[in-house]
Amino acid sequence: MNTTQKHLTPDAVCFAATTLILAEGGTSSLIVQQFLLNQGYQAKRTDVSIWLVCVAIQEGWTIDDNGMFLVFSFPTPTSSSQ
């Protein structure tokens, strides 16, 4: 049985985080890491964290620091008063 692990990519991190945000409303690097490990990726926590911050900034996601870890989510639309 060949158990070669997949290499981590920004696209894989983006897909995992998007899936988790849609399912749960938000995610963290630890949850993304577990998701990727379950999908057969070689996912070290530091690598996942770095890629997740890069993806979040590029995509315009909200990043909240709750004092223990960063929580990533989609931005909430704001109402425009005109």
PDB file of N, CA and C in Angstrom:
ATOM      1  N   MET A   1       0.846  -1.186   0.000  1.00  0.00           N
ATOM      2  CA  MET A   1       0.000   0.000   0.000  1.00  0.00           C
ATOM      3  C   MET A   1       0.881   1.234   0.000  1.00  0.00           C
ATOM      4  N   ASN A   2       0.691   2.100  -0.974  1.00  0.00           N
ATOM      5  CA  ASN A   2       1.467   3.325  -1.092  1.00  0.00           C
ATOM      6  C   ASN A   2       0.709   4.452  -0.396  1.00  0.00           C
ATOM      7  N   THR A   3       1.316   5.042   0.622  1.00  0.00           N
ATOM      8  CA  THR A   3       0.665   6.107   1.375  1.00  0.00           C
ATOM      9  C   THR A   3       1.411   7.420   1.233  1.00  0.00           C
ATOM     10  N   THR A   4       1.674   7.813   0.004  1.00  0.00           N
ATOM     11  CA  THR A   4       2.352   9.069  -0.257  1.00  0.00           C
ATOM     12  C   THR A   4       1.426  10.226   0.097  1.00  0.00           C
ATOM     13  N   GLN A   5       1.957  11.158   0.880  1.00  0.00           N
ATOM     14  CA  GLN A   5       1.160  12.312   1.260  1.00  0.00           C
ATOM     15  C   GLN A   5       1.238  13.387   0.184  1.00  0.00           C
ATOM     16  N   LYS A   6       0.143  14.114   0.016  1.00  0.00           N
ATOM     17  CA  LYS A   6       0.090  15.208  -0.945  1.00  0.00           C
ATOM     18  C   LYS A   6       0.847  16.409  -0.368  1.00  0.00           C
ATOM     19  N   HIS A   7       1.457  17.189  -1.255  1.00  0.00           N
ATOM     20  CA  HIS A   7       2.162  18.395  -0.833  1.00  0.00           C
ATOM     21  C   HIS A   7       1.170  19.531  -0.611  1.00  0.00           C
ATOM     22  N   LEU A   8       1.402  20.291   0.426  1.00  0.00           N
ATOM     23  CA  LEU A   8       0.542  21.411   0.774  1.00  0.00           C
ATOM     24  C   LEU A   8       0.700  22.539  -0.242  1.00  0.00           C
ATOM     25  N   THR A   9      -0.417  23.103  -0.666  1.00  0.00           N
ATOM     26  CA  THR A   9      -0.418  24.236  -1.593  1.00  0.00           C
ATOM     27  C   THR A   9      -1.380  25.311  -1.079  1.00  0.00           C
ATOM     28  N   PRO A  10      -1.213  26.549  -1.521  1.00  0.00           N
ATOM     29  CA  PRO A  10      -2.171  27.588  -1.135  1.00  0.00           C
ATOM     30  C   PRO A  10      -3.592  27.246  -1.577  1.00  0.00           C
ATOM     31  N   ASP A  11      -3.748  26.619  -2.743  1.00  0.00           N
ATOM     32  CA  ASP A  11      -5.082  26.247  -3.220  1.00  0.00           C
ATOM     33  C   ASP A  11      -5.735  25.226  -2.286  1.00  0.00           C
ATOM     34  N   ALA A  12      -4.945  24.277  -1.790  1.00  0.00           N
ATOM     35  CA  ALA A  12      -5.483  23.279  -0.865  1.00  0.00           C
ATOM     36  C   ALA A  12      -5.924  23.938   0.440  1.00  0.00           C
ATOM     37  N   VAL A  13      -5.114  24.866   0.939  1.00  0.00           N
ATOM     38  CA  VAL A  13      -5.461  25.586   2.170  1.00  0.00           C
ATOM     39  C   VAL A  13      -6.721  26.421   1.952  1.00  0.00           C
ATOM     40  N   CYS A  14      -6.802  27.097   0.815  1.00  0.00           N
ATOM     41  CA  CYS A  14      -7.972  27.914   0.485  1.00  0.00           C
ATOM     42  C   CYS A  14      -9.227  27.061   0.399  1.00  0.00           C
ATOM     43  N   PHE A  15      -9.135  25.921  -0.280  1.00  0.00           N
ATOM     44  CA  PHE A  15     -10.288  25.026  -0.401  1.00  0.00           C
ATOM     45  C   PHE A  15     -10.733  24.525   0.965  1.00  0.00           C
ATOM     46  N   ALA A  16      -9.786  24.084   1.783  1.00  0.00           N
ATOM     47  CA  ALA A  16     -10.113  23.567   3.110  1.00  0.00           C
ATOM     48  C   ALA A  16     -10.762  24.651   3.969  1.00  0.00           C
ATOM     49  N   ALA A  17     -10.158  25.822   3.995  1.00  0.00           N
ATOM     50  CA  ALA A  17     -10.689  26.911   4.819  1.00  0.00           C
ATOM     51  C   ALA A  17     -12.067  27.351   4.337  1.00  0.00           C
ATOM     52  N   THR A  18     -12.234  27.468   3.024  1.00  0.00           N
ATOM     53  CA  THR A  18     -13.536  27.855   2.473  1.00  0.00           C
ATOM     54  C   THR A  18     -14.604  26.830   2.858  1.00  0.00           C
ATOM     55  N   THR A  19     -14.283  25.574   2.714  1.00  0.00           N
ATOM     56  CA  THR A  19     -15.223  24.503   3.078  1.00  0.00           C
ATOM     57  C   THR A  19     -15.613  24.605   4.549  1.00  0.00           C
ATOM     58  N   LEU A  20     -14.622  24.805   5.405  1.00  0.00           N
ATOM     59  CA  LEU A  20     -14.884  24.871   6.838  1.00  0.00           C
ATOM     60  C   LEU A  20     -15.638  26.132   7.241  1.00  0.00           C
ATOM     61  N   ILE A  21     -15.324  27.255   6.614  1.00  0.00           N
ATOM     62  CA  ILE A  21     -16.053  28.495   6.915  1.00  0.00           C
ATOM     63  C   ILE A  21     -17.510  28.362   6.490  1.00  0.00           C
ATOM     64  N   LEU A  22     -17.735  27.792   5.308  1.00  0.00           N
ATOM     65  CA  LEU A  22     -19.118  27.599   4.857  1.00  0.00           C
ATOM     66  C   LEU A  22     -19.890  26.675   5.798  1.00  0.00           C
ATOM     67  N   ALA A  23     -19.227  25.658   6.307  1.00  0.00           N
ATOM     68  CA  ALA A  23     -19.886  24.676   7.184  1.00  0.00           C
ATOM     69  C   ALA A  23     -20.079  25.201   8.603  1.00  0.00           C
ATOM     70  N   GLU A  24     -19.094  25.956   9.117  1.00  0.00           N
ATOM     71  CA  GLU A  24     -19.105  26.322  10.527  1.00  0.00           C
ATOM     72  C   GLU A  24     -19.182  27.822  10.802  1.00  0.00           C
ATOM     73  N   GLY A  25     -19.008  28.635   9.780  1.00  0.00           N
ATOM     74  CA  GLY A  25     -19.036  30.080   9.968  1.00  0.00           C
ATOM     75  C   GLY A  25     -17.671  30.694  10.251  1.00  0.00           C
ATOM     76  N   GLY A  26     -16.695  29.860  10.561  1.00  0.00           N
ATOM     77  CA  GLY A  26     -15.344  30.326  10.829  1.00  0.00           C
ATOM     78  C   GLY A  26     -14.434  29.127  11.026  1.00  0.00           C
ATOM     79  N   THR A  27     -13.134  29.381  11.023  1.00  0.00           N
ATOM     80  CA  THR A  27     -12.185  28.285  11.196  1.00  0.00           C
ATOM     81  C   THR A  27     -10.883  28.818  11.779  1.00  0.00           C
ATOM     82  N   SER A  28     -10.000  27.901  12.131  1.00  0.00           N
ATOM     83  CA  SER A  28      -8.676  28.254  12.642  1.00  0.00           C
ATOM     84  C   SER A  28      -7.636  27.407  11.920  1.00  0.00           C
ATOM     85  N   SER A  29      -6.378  27.738  12.119  1.00  0.00           N
ATOM     86  CA  SER A  29      -5.324  26.972  11.453  1.00  0.00           C
ATOM     87  C   SER A  29      -5.301  25.521  11.935  1.00  0.00           C
ATOM     88  N   LEU A  30      -5.614  25.282  13.203  1.00  0.00           N
ATOM     89  CA  LEU A  30      -5.631  23.908  13.714  1.00  0.00           C
ATOM     90  C   LEU A  30      -6.721  23.078  13.034  1.00  0.00           C
ATOM     91  N   ILE A  31      -7.890  23.663  12.866  1.00  0.00           N
ATOM     92  CA  ILE A  31      -8.994  22.944  12.220  1.00  0.00           C
ATOM     93  C   ILE A  31      -8.682  22.699  10.750  1.00  0.00           C
ATOM     94  N   VAL A  32      -8.110  23.704  10.077  1.00  0.00           N
ATOM     95  CA  VAL A  32      -7.713  23.542   8.673  1.00  0.00           C
ATOM     96  C   VAL A  32      -6.646  22.456   8.565  1.00  0.00           C
ATOM     97  N   GLN A  33      -5.691  22.460   9.478  1.00  0.00           N
ATOM     98  CA  GLN A  33      -4.648  21.438   9.469  1.00  0.00           C
ATOM     99  C   GLN A  33      -5.248  20.039   9.601  1.00  0.00           C
ATOM    100  N   GLN A  34      -6.161  19.852  10.531  1.00  0.00           N
ATOM    101  CA  GLN A  34      -6.791  18.539  10.713  1.00  0.00           C
ATOM    102  C   GLN A  34      -7.562  18.110   9.462  1.00  0.00           C
ATOM    103  N   PHE A  35      -8.270  19.053   8.862  1.00  0.00           N
ATOM    104  CA  PHE A  35      -9.007  18.771   7.626  1.00  0.00           C
ATOM    105  C   PHE A  35      -8.046  18.290   6.541  1.00  0.00           C
ATOM    106  N   LEU A  36      -6.936  19.012   6.376  1.00  0.00           N
ATOM    107  CA  LEU A  36      -5.964  18.662   5.342  1.00  0.00           C
ATOM    108  C   LEU A  36      -5.283  17.324   5.625  1.00  0.00           C
ATOM    109  N   LEU A  37      -4.954  17.060   6.875  1.00  0.00           N
ATOM    110  CA  LEU A  37      -4.368  15.766   7.237  1.00  0.00           C
ATOM    111  C   LEU A  37      -5.334  14.632   6.895  1.00  0.00           C
ATOM    112  N   ASN A  38      -6.609  14.853   7.164  1.00  0.00           N
ATOM    113  CA  ASN A  38      -7.638  13.848   6.839  1.00  0.00           C
ATOM    114  C   ASN A  38      -7.782  13.639   5.338  1.00  0.00           C
ATOM    115  N   GLN A  39      -7.389  14.652   4.558  1.00  0.00           N
ATOM    116  CA  GLN A  39      -7.452  14.557   3.101  1.00  0.00           C
ATOM    117  C   GLN A  39      -6.152  14.022   2.511  1.00  0.00           C
ATOM    118  N   GLY A  40      -5.190  13.663   3.369  1.00  0.00           N
ATOM    119  CA  GLY A  40      -3.951  13.064   2.895  1.00  0.00           C
ATOM    120  C   GLY A  40      -2.827  14.032   2.601  1.00  0.00           C
ATOM    121  N   TYR A  41      -2.937  15.266   3.098  1.00  0.00           N
ATOM    122  CA  TYR A  41      -1.884  16.255   2.866  1.00  0.00           C
ATOM    123  C   TYR A  41      -0.822  16.196   3.960  1.00  0.00           C
ATOM    124  N   GLN A  42       0.382  16.539   3.584  1.00  0.00           N
ATOM    125  CA  GLN A  42       1.466  16.730   4.543  1.00  0.00           C
ATOM    126  C   GLN A  42       1.305  18.162   5.036  1.00  0.00           C
ATOM    127  N   ALA A  43       0.675  18.329   6.188  1.00  0.00           N
ATOM    128  CA  ALA A  43       0.283  19.664   6.644  1.00  0.00           C
ATOM    129  C   ALA A  43       0.849  19.957   8.024  1.00  0.00           C
ATOM    130  N   LYS A  44       1.973  20.666   8.045  1.00  0.00           N
ATOM    131  CA  LYS A  44       2.545  21.112   9.317  1.00  0.00           C
ATOM    132  C   LYS A  44       1.810  22.367   9.752  1.00  0.00           C
ATOM    133  N   ARG A  45       1.604  22.497  11.048  1.00  0.00           N
ATOM    134  CA  ARG A  45       0.812  23.606  11.583  1.00  0.00           C
ATOM    135  C   ARG A  45       1.369  24.961  11.173  1.00  0.00           C
ATOM    136  N   THR A  46       2.685  25.138  11.233  1.00  0.00           N
ATOM    137  CA  THR A  46       3.256  26.442  10.869  1.00  0.00           C
ATOM    138  C   THR A  46       3.032  26.754   9.396  1.00  0.00           C
ATOM    139  N   ASP A  47       3.168  25.759   8.538  1.00  0.00           N
ATOM    140  CA  ASP A  47       2.940  25.971   7.104  1.00  0.00           C
ATOM    141  C   ASP A  47       1.481  26.327   6.836  1.00  0.00           C
ATOM    142  N   VAL A  48       0.576  25.609   7.482  1.00  0.00           N
ATOM    143  CA  VAL A  48      -0.861  25.891   7.319  1.00  0.00           C
ATOM    144  C   VAL A  48      -1.161  27.313   7.791  1.00  0.00           C
ATOM    145  N   SER A  49      -0.611  27.698   8.927  1.00  0.00           N
ATOM    146  CA  SER A  49      -0.853  29.043   9.468  1.00  0.00           C
ATOM    147  C   SER A  49      -0.388  30.130   8.516  1.00  0.00           C
ATOM    148  N   ILE A  50       0.810  29.962   7.975  1.00  0.00           N
ATOM    149  CA  ILE A  50       1.354  30.962   7.049  1.00  0.00           C
ATOM    150  C   ILE A  50       0.489  31.071   5.803  1.00  0.00           C
ATOM    151  N   TRP A  51       0.167  29.927   5.192  1.00  0.00           N
ATOM    152  CA  TRP A  51      -0.653  29.955   3.978  1.00  0.00           C
ATOM    153  C   TRP A  51      -2.053  30.479   4.258  1.00  0.00           C
ATOM    154  N   LEU A  52      -2.600  30.150   5.422  1.00  0.00           N
ATOM    155  CA  LEU A  52      -3.951  30.585   5.748  1.00  0.00           C
ATOM    156  C   LEU A  52      -4.028  32.101   5.894  1.00  0.00           C
ATOM    157  N   VAL A  53      -3.045  32.697   6.537  1.00  0.00           N
ATOM    158  CA  VAL A  53      -3.021  34.161   6.654  1.00  0.00           C
ATOM    159  C   VAL A  53      -2.880  34.791   5.269  1.00  0.00           C
ATOM    160  N   CYS A  54      -1.993  34.260   4.442  1.00  0.00           N
ATOM    161  CA  CYS A  54      -1.810  34.788   3.077  1.00  0.00           C
ATOM    162  C   CYS A  54      -3.098  34.706   2.267  1.00  0.00           C
ATOM    163  N   VAL A  55      -3.751  33.550   2.327  1.00  0.00           N
ATOM    164  CA  VAL A  55      -5.007  33.360   1.589  1.00  0.00           C
ATOM    165  C   VAL A  55      -6.078  34.312   2.118  1.00  0.00           C
ATOM    166  N   ALA A  56      -6.191  34.423   3.434  1.00  0.00           N
ATOM    167  CA  ALA A  56      -7.211  35.285   4.031  1.00  0.00           C
ATOM    168  C   ALA A  56      -7.026  36.737   3.612  1.00  0.00           C
ATOM    169  N   ILE A  57      -5.795  37.204   3.605  1.00  0.00           N
ATOM    170  CA  ILE A  57      -5.526  38.581   3.185  1.00  0.00           C
ATOM    171  C   ILE A  57      -5.862  38.762   1.706  1.00  0.00           C
ATOM    172  N   GLN A  58      -5.426  37.822   0.891  1.00  0.00           N
ATOM    173  CA  GLN A  58      -5.684  37.893  -0.550  1.00  0.00           C
ATOM    174  C   GLN A  58      -7.178  37.868  -0.858  1.00  0.00           C
ATOM    175  N   GLU A  59      -7.923  37.048  -0.124  1.00  0.00           N
ATOM    176  CA  GLU A  59      -9.360  36.899  -0.380  1.00  0.00           C
ATOM    177  C   GLU A  59     -10.215  37.943   0.344  1.00  0.00           C
ATOM    178  N   GLY A  60      -9.608  38.715   1.233  1.00  0.00           N
ATOM    179  CA  GLY A  60     -10.360  39.731   1.967  1.00  0.00           C
ATOM    180  C   GLY A  60     -11.196  39.178   3.097  1.00  0.00           C
ATOM    181  N   TRP A  61     -10.769  38.045   3.659  1.00  0.00           N
ATOM    182  CA  TRP A  61     -11.503  37.439   4.766  1.00  0.00           C
ATOM    183  C   TRP A  61     -11.253  38.215   6.055  1.00  0.00           C
ATOM    184  N   THR A  62     -12.138  38.023   7.007  1.00  0.00           N
ATOM    185  CA  THR A  62     -11.985  38.611   8.329  1.00  0.00           C
ATOM    186  C   THR A  62     -11.064  37.723   9.163  1.00  0.00           C
ATOM    187  N   ILE A  63     -10.129  38.358   9.860  1.00  0.00           N
ATOM    188  CA  ILE A  63      -9.228  37.636  10.765  1.00  0.00           C
ATOM    189  C   ILE A  63      -9.404  38.246  12.149  1.00  0.00           C
ATOM    190  N   ASP A  64      -9.894  37.445  13.091  1.00  0.00           N
ATOM    191  CA  ASP A  64     -10.094  37.904  14.464  1.00  0.00           C
ATOM    192  C   ASP A  64      -9.162  37.146  15.394  1.00  0.00           C
ATOM    193  N   ASP A  65      -8.519  37.870  16.289  1.00  0.00           N
ATOM    194  CA  ASP A  65      -7.664  37.267  17.307  1.00  0.00           C
ATOM    195  C   ASP A  65      -8.472  37.208  18.595  1.00  0.00           C
ATOM    196  N   ASN A  66      -8.814  35.994  19.021  1.00  0.00           N
ATOM    197  CA  ASN A  66      -9.620  35.859  20.237  1.00  0.00           C
ATOM    198  C   ASN A  66      -8.759  35.737  21.495  1.00  0.00           C
ATOM    199  N   GLY A  67      -7.460  35.995  21.363  1.00  0.00           N
ATOM    200  CA  GLY A  67      -6.557  35.912  22.495  1.00  0.00           C
ATOM    201  C   GLY A  67      -5.835  34.588  22.596  1.00  0.00           C
ATOM    202  N   MET A  68      -6.378  33.568  21.953  1.00  0.00           N
ATOM    203  CA  MET A  68      -5.753  32.250  21.975  1.00  0.00           C
ATOM    204  C   MET A  68      -5.289  31.835  20.585  1.00  0.00           C
ATOM    205  N   PHE A  69      -6.071  32.183  19.578  1.00  0.00           N
ATOM    206  CA  PHE A  69      -5.750  31.836  18.203  1.00  0.00           C
ATOM    207  C   PHE A  69      -6.514  32.750  17.262  1.00  0.00           C
ATOM    208  N   LEU A  70      -6.138  32.704  15.979  1.00  0.00           N
ATOM    209  CA  LEU A  70      -6.820  33.499  14.967  1.00  0.00           C
ATOM    210  C   LEU A  70      -8.024  32.738  14.434  1.00  0.00           C
ATOM    211  N   VAL A  71      -9.113  33.456  14.252  1.00  0.00           N
ATOM    212  CA  VAL A  71     -10.331  32.877  13.678  1.00  0.00           C
ATOM    213  C   VAL A  71     -10.554  33.549  12.328  1.00  0.00           C
ATOM    214  N   PHE A  72     -10.708  32.733  11.303  1.00  0.00           N
ATOM    215  CA  PHE A  72     -10.883  33.214   9.934  1.00  0.00           C
ATOM    216  C   PHE A  72     -12.333  33.019   9.524  1.00  0.00           C
ATOM    217  N   SER A  73     -12.909  34.044   8.889  1.00  0.00           N
ATOM    218  CA  SER A  73     -14.287  33.957   8.411  1.00  0.00           C
ATOM    219  C   SER A  73     -14.456  34.892   7.220  1.00  0.00           C
ATOM    220  N   PHE A  74     -15.597  34.735   6.554  1.00  0.00           N
ATOM    221  CA  PHE A  74     -15.904  35.643   5.457  1.00  0.00           C
ATOM    222  C   PHE A  74     -16.372  36.960   6.046  1.00  0.00           C
ATOM    223  N   PRO A  75     -16.090  38.068   5.383  1.00  0.00           N
ATOM    224  CA  PRO A  75     -16.559  39.359   5.897  1.00  0.00           C
ATOM    225  C   PRO A  75     -18.081  39.429   5.840  1.00  0.00           C
ATOM    226  N   THR A  76     -18.659  40.118   6.797  1.00  0.00           N
ATOM    227  CA  THR A  76     -20.110  40.292   6.798  1.00  0.00           C
ATOM    228  C   THR A  76     -20.441  41.556   6.027  1.00  0.00           C
ATOM    229  N   PRO A  77     -21.462  41.471   5.182  1.00  0.00           N
ATOM    230  CA  PRO A  77     -21.842  42.667   4.431  1.00  0.00           C
ATOM    231  C   PRO A  77     -22.356  43.746   5.366  1.00  0.00           C
ATOM    232  N   THR A  78     -21.983  44.968   5.080  1.00  0.00           N
ATOM    233  CA  THR A  78     -22.473  46.087   5.893  1.00  0.00           C
ATOM    234  C   THR A  78     -23.539  46.822   5.105  1.00  0.00           C
ATOM    235  N   SER A  79     -24.520  47.294   5.833  1.00  0.00           N
ATOM    236  CA  SER A  79     -25.586  48.030   5.152  1.00  0.00           C
ATOM    237  C   SER A  79     -25.100  49.440   4.849  1.00  0.00           C
ATOM    238  N   SER A  80     -25.396  49.885   3.672  1.00  0.00           N
ATOM    239  CA  SER A  80     -24.998  51.221   3.232  1.00  0.00           C
ATOM    240  C   SER A  80     -26.187  52.165   3.341  1.00  0.00           C
ATOM    241  N   SER A  81     -26.032  53.206   4.137  1.00  0.00           N
ATOM    242  CA  SER A  81     -27.127  54.166   4.255  1.00  0.00           C
ATOM    243  C   SER A  81     -26.831  55.356   3.351  1.00  0.00           C
ATOM    244  N   GLN A  82     -27.780  55.629   2.454  1.00  0.00           N
ATOM    245  CA  GLN A  82     -27.596  56.729   1.497  1.00  0.00           C
ATOM    246  C   GLN A  82     -28.720  57.698   1.589  1.00  0.00           C
TER     247      GLN A  82
END
